[in-house]
Protein backbone atom coordinates (compact mmCIF):
# COMPACT_ATOMS: atom_id res chain seq x y z
CA MET A 1 130.54 71.97 200.73
CA PHE A 2 126.78 71.40 201.02
CA THR A 3 124.92 68.76 199.07
CA ASP A 4 121.59 70.57 198.71
CA ASP A 5 122.93 73.15 196.28
CA ILE A 6 121.02 74.33 193.23
CA GLU A 7 122.83 74.94 189.97
CA SER A 8 121.52 77.92 188.04
CA SER A 9 123.19 78.85 184.73
CA HIS A 10 126.65 77.56 185.77
CA LEU A 11 126.39 79.17 189.20
CA VAL A 12 125.82 77.08 192.30
CA ILE A 13 123.38 78.63 194.79
CA HIS A 14 123.90 77.14 198.25
CA ARG A 15 120.84 76.20 200.25
CA LEU A 16 122.17 78.36 203.11
CA ALA A 17 122.06 81.41 200.83
CA TYR A 18 118.26 81.44 201.04
CA LEU A 19 117.25 83.61 203.99
CA LEU A 20 113.86 83.76 205.67
CA ARG A 21 113.95 87.45 206.60
CA LEU A 22 114.92 88.86 203.19
CA ARG A 23 113.68 88.80 199.66
CA ASN A 24 115.93 86.29 197.96
CA ILE A 25 116.85 87.97 194.68
CA GLN A 26 119.38 86.39 192.33
CA ARG A 27 122.13 88.94 193.04
CA GLY A 28 121.89 88.41 196.82
CA LEU A 29 121.77 84.64 196.47
CA THR A 30 124.83 84.74 194.23
CA THR A 31 126.78 86.97 196.62
CA ARG A 32 125.85 84.92 199.70
CA SER A 33 126.80 81.72 197.87
CA MET A 34 130.24 83.14 197.04
CA ILE A 35 130.67 84.18 200.70
CA ILE A 36 129.58 80.73 201.90
CA ASP A 37 132.20 79.13 199.62
CA LEU A 38 134.90 81.07 201.47
CA LEU A 39 133.79 80.40 205.04
CA ASP A 40 134.90 77.61 207.36
CA PHE A 41 133.76 76.04 210.64
CA LYS A 42 137.16 76.49 212.33
CA ILE A 43 139.01 79.40 210.71
CA TRP A 44 137.88 83.00 211.30
CA LYS A 45 137.81 85.13 208.15
CA THR A 46 137.57 88.91 208.24
CA THR A 47 135.13 90.86 206.11
CA THR A 48 138.09 92.36 204.24
CA ASP A 49 139.58 88.92 203.52
CA ILE A 50 136.26 87.76 202.08
CA ALA A 51 135.73 91.00 200.11
CA ASN A 52 139.15 90.56 198.50
CA GLU A 53 137.96 87.28 196.99
CA VAL A 54 134.46 88.26 195.77
CA PRO A 55 133.45 90.95 193.27
CA VAL A 56 131.61 93.13 195.80
CA THR A 57 132.62 95.74 198.37
CA ALA A 58 133.48 95.01 202.00
CA ALA A 59 130.29 96.85 203.00
CA THR A 60 128.21 94.46 200.86
CA VAL A 61 129.98 91.44 202.38
CA ALA A 62 129.34 92.82 205.89
CA TYR A 63 125.65 93.36 205.03
CA HIS A 64 125.24 89.74 203.93
CA LEU A 65 127.22 88.37 206.88
CA ARG A 66 125.05 90.31 209.36
CA ASN A 67 121.91 88.96 207.70
CA MET A 68 123.27 85.40 207.79
CA GLU A 69 124.19 85.92 211.44
CA LYS A 70 120.55 86.83 212.23
CA GLU A 71 119.57 83.43 210.85
CA ASP A 72 122.30 81.54 212.75
CA ILE A 73 124.26 80.59 209.65
CA VAL A 74 127.43 82.42 210.66
CA VAL A 75 128.85 83.77 213.90
CA HIS A 76 130.97 86.89 214.45
CA HIS A 77 134.00 86.68 216.71
CA PRO A 78 133.32 88.56 219.99
CA LYS A 79 136.55 90.55 219.59
CA GLY A 80 135.98 91.30 215.92
CA LYS A 81 138.50 88.81 214.53
CA GLY A 82 136.21 87.62 211.76
CA TRP A 83 133.39 85.31 210.80
CA LYS A 84 132.87 81.57 210.52
CA PHE A 85 130.00 79.11 210.24
CA THR A 86 127.87 78.63 213.32
CA PRO A 87 128.74 75.32 214.99
CA ILE A 88 126.25 72.58 214.20
CA HIS A 89 124.49 71.65 217.40
CA GLN A 90 124.40 67.90 217.15
CA THR A 91 124.45 65.28 219.86
CA LYS A 92 126.88 62.39 219.64
CA LEU A 93 125.11 59.08 219.02
CA PRO A 94 125.91 57.49 222.44
CA GLU A 95 124.60 60.62 224.22
CA PHE A 96 121.46 60.59 222.09
CA LEU A 97 120.81 56.92 222.82
CA MET A 98 121.32 57.45 226.58
CA LYS A 99 118.80 60.31 226.59
CA LYS A 100 116.34 58.17 224.67
CA LYS A 101 116.61 55.34 227.20
CA SER A 102 115.99 57.68 230.11
CA ARG A 103 112.75 58.91 228.49
CA ARG A 104 111.18 55.44 228.60
CA LYS A 105 108.76 54.84 231.43
CA LYS A 106 109.85 52.33 234.00
CA LYS A 107 107.52 49.44 234.69
CA GLY A 108 106.74 48.85 238.21
């Protein structure tokens, strides 16, 4: 999914698996990478759904999801329906160009 992944002994560690607020040990990086592989931008996935597909408990999955949420990597559904990637906050090119034009000083 992401191009800045690091391959370590046949295991791909996603760049999003590295967190600023935690010590990034191999086991945590591996678990977060497996979780990231299962997430989507549109479809909500429950902690249980994710835990059924990775070799860790639902509590461990929830721990990693909460830590990724603190760093704006994932978002939790307000009614508890699951998790998904945080939307990427990007401006469409025409909007960006319009904003850039309005920043220029007018001569006169």
